[in-house]
Amino acid sequence: MKDAITGGCVCGEVLFSIEDDFENFYFCHCEQCRKMTGSAHASNLFTRPDNIKWEKGFDSVKRYDHPTRTFSQAFCTHCGSALPYVSKSGKALVVPAGSLDEEPKKALDAQIFCSEETEWHKVGLSSPKHSGFPE
C-alpha cells in the first residue's frame, strides 16, 4: 500500500492502514453528524471502498445504519471511537479524520449543511485558545 497512513480507536483494540488517497474531505454540520459525534460537526474523508486494510480488531467494529435515512456510523465496541465504514450506497469508504494517526495530505474541500451549524460553534471559533486545560 503506497503512502499508507495508520489509524484506529482510542483503546487500541482496532487498528487499520489506508492509502493517503482521499477524494473529498468535508466538515458536516447536519444534526445527525452532530449527534453521532457529540460535537459541532463531523470531519469525514472519502475514498474508494477497498482502500483499507484492517490490521487488528475488525471483529470489534460495530456498524449502525439509520433505519430510514442513508446515514451510518461504525465504532469500536470497547471504547466507542468512530471508525471507517463503507457508505450504504457502497460507493465510498467514509473515514472519520480523527481516527487517523497522521494528518492526511487532502485539504478540506468544504463545510456542508452549514444551514444547520449551531450558534455555539460559530461563537466558539472566536473564544480564547489554550494549549491544554486553562489554569
Protein backbone atom coordinates (compact mmCIF):
# COMPACT_ATOMS: atom_id res chain seq x y z
CA MET A 1 0.00 0.00 0.00
CA LYS A 2 1.72 3.20 -1.15
CA ASP A 3 1.65 6.32 1.04
CA ALA A 4 -0.17 4.41 3.76
CA ILE A 5 -1.23 6.08 6.98
CA THR A 6 -2.48 4.29 10.05
CA GLY A 7 -5.46 4.79 12.26
CA GLY A 8 -7.51 3.15 14.95
CA CYS A 9 -9.58 3.60 18.05
CA VAL A 10 -8.57 5.27 21.31
CA CYS A 11 -8.23 2.00 23.27
CA GLY A 12 -6.02 0.36 20.61
CA GLU A 13 -8.32 -2.63 20.06
CA VAL A 14 -8.89 -1.71 16.38
CA LEU A 15 -6.08 -0.73 14.01
CA PHE A 16 -6.13 -0.12 10.26
CA SER A 17 -3.98 1.24 7.46
CA ILE A 18 -5.22 3.21 4.50
CA GLU A 19 -3.68 4.73 1.39
CA ASP A 20 -3.49 8.52 1.73
CA ASP A 21 -5.54 8.96 -1.44
CA PHE A 22 -8.73 10.76 -0.42
CA GLU A 23 -11.16 12.22 -2.94
CA ASN A 24 -13.09 14.52 -0.61
CA PHE A 25 -12.83 15.99 2.88
CA TYR A 26 -15.85 17.65 4.49
CA PHE A 27 -16.90 19.11 7.81
CA CYS A 28 -20.60 18.24 8.09
CA HIS A 29 -22.79 20.36 10.37
CA CYS A 30 -26.02 18.36 9.94
CA GLU A 31 -27.97 17.37 13.04
CA GLN A 32 -27.25 13.64 12.56
CA CYS A 33 -23.49 14.21 12.38
CA ARG A 34 -23.59 16.44 15.47
CA LYS A 35 -25.47 13.78 17.41
CA MET A 36 -23.24 10.92 16.21
CA THR A 37 -20.02 12.77 17.05
CA GLY A 38 -21.24 14.65 20.12
CA SER A 39 -19.51 17.67 18.62
CA ALA A 40 -20.16 20.68 16.39
CA HIS A 41 -19.55 18.74 13.17
CA ALA A 42 -18.26 15.51 11.69
CA SER A 43 -14.88 15.60 9.91
CA ASN A 44 -15.02 12.91 7.24
CA LEU A 45 -12.70 11.92 4.40
CA PHE A 46 -13.97 9.91 1.43
CA THR A 47 -12.06 7.37 -0.66
CA ARG A 48 -12.70 4.22 -2.70
CA PRO A 49 -14.43 1.39 -0.77
CA ASP A 50 -11.49 -1.05 -0.93
CA ASN A 51 -8.91 1.45 0.37
CA ILE A 52 -8.47 -0.07 3.83
CA LYS A 53 -6.57 -2.89 5.47
CA TRP A 54 -7.82 -3.89 8.89
CA GLU A 55 -4.64 -4.69 10.84
CA LYS A 56 -6.26 -5.68 14.13
CA GLY A 57 -9.65 -5.99 15.82
CA PHE A 58 -12.10 -5.90 12.91
CA ASP A 59 -14.45 -8.15 14.90
CA SER A 60 -14.65 -5.31 17.47
CA VAL A 61 -16.11 -2.93 14.86
CA LYS A 62 -19.88 -2.44 15.09
CA ARG A 63 -21.95 -0.66 12.47
CA TYR A 64 -25.12 1.36 12.93
CA ASP A 65 -27.36 2.11 9.95
CA HIS A 66 -30.20 4.60 10.43
CA PRO A 67 -33.42 2.73 9.54
CA THR A 68 -34.98 5.44 7.35
CA ARG A 69 -32.05 7.56 6.11
CA THR A 70 -28.79 6.96 4.26
CA PHE A 71 -26.81 7.56 7.42
CA SER A 72 -24.37 5.14 9.04
CA GLN A 73 -21.65 5.02 11.67
CA ALA A 74 -19.03 2.46 12.69
CA PHE A 75 -17.38 2.34 16.09
CA CYS A 76 -15.22 0.24 18.40
CA THR A 77 -17.35 -1.91 20.70
CA HIS A 78 -14.83 -1.42 23.52
CA CYS A 79 -14.27 2.37 23.58
CA GLY A 80 -16.88 3.79 21.18
CA SER A 81 -14.38 5.56 18.89
CA ALA A 82 -15.66 6.37 15.39
CA LEU A 83 -14.12 4.17 12.69
CA PRO A 84 -14.20 3.91 8.87
CA TYR A 85 -17.15 2.28 7.11
CA VAL A 86 -18.41 1.75 3.58
CA SER A 87 -21.32 4.04 2.72
CA LYS A 88 -24.77 2.47 2.31
CA SER A 89 -24.51 3.04 -1.45
CA GLY A 90 -21.25 1.08 -1.47
CA LYS A 91 -19.57 3.84 -3.48
CA ALA A 92 -17.23 5.25 -0.82
CA LEU A 93 -15.27 4.47 2.30
CA VAL A 94 -16.08 7.13 4.90
CA VAL A 95 -13.11 7.79 7.19
CA PRO A 96 -13.50 9.90 10.33
CA ALA A 97 -10.47 12.22 10.19
CA GLY A 98 -9.98 11.92 13.95
CA SER A 99 -9.43 8.16 13.63
CA LEU A 100 -6.18 8.73 11.68
CA ASP A 101 -2.80 8.77 13.42
CA GLU A 102 -1.37 11.31 10.96
CA GLU A 103 -2.56 14.34 9.02
CA PRO A 104 -3.90 13.36 5.59
CA LYS A 105 -2.49 15.14 2.53
CA LYS A 106 -6.01 16.08 1.43
CA ALA A 107 -7.07 19.60 2.42
CA LEU A 108 -10.62 20.37 3.49
CA ASP A 109 -12.90 20.75 0.45
CA ALA A 110 -15.88 22.38 2.13
CA GLN A 111 -18.13 22.65 5.13
CA ILE A 112 -21.54 21.19 4.32
CA PHE A 113 -25.03 21.55 5.80
CA CYS A 114 -23.98 24.94 7.18
CA SER A 115 -27.65 25.93 7.44
CA GLU A 116 -27.69 23.57 10.45
CA GLU A 117 -24.49 24.92 12.05
CA THR A 118 -25.00 25.76 15.72
CA GLU A 119 -24.65 29.26 17.08
CA TRP A 120 -22.47 27.99 19.94
CA HIS A 121 -20.00 26.67 17.37
CA LYS A 122 -19.86 29.99 15.49
CA VAL A 123 -19.29 31.91 18.73
CA GLY A 124 -16.80 29.31 19.96
CA LEU A 125 -14.49 29.84 16.99
CA SER A 126 -13.55 33.27 18.35
CA SER A 127 -13.17 32.22 22.01
CA PRO A 128 -9.79 32.20 23.82
CA LYS A 129 -7.44 29.34 22.86
CA HIS A 130 -5.24 27.31 25.24
CA SER A 131 -2.67 24.57 24.54
CA GLY A 132 -4.26 22.44 27.30
CA PHE A 133 -6.79 22.90 30.09
CA PRO A 134 -6.87 26.54 31.23
CA GLU A 135 -5.37 27.16 34.65
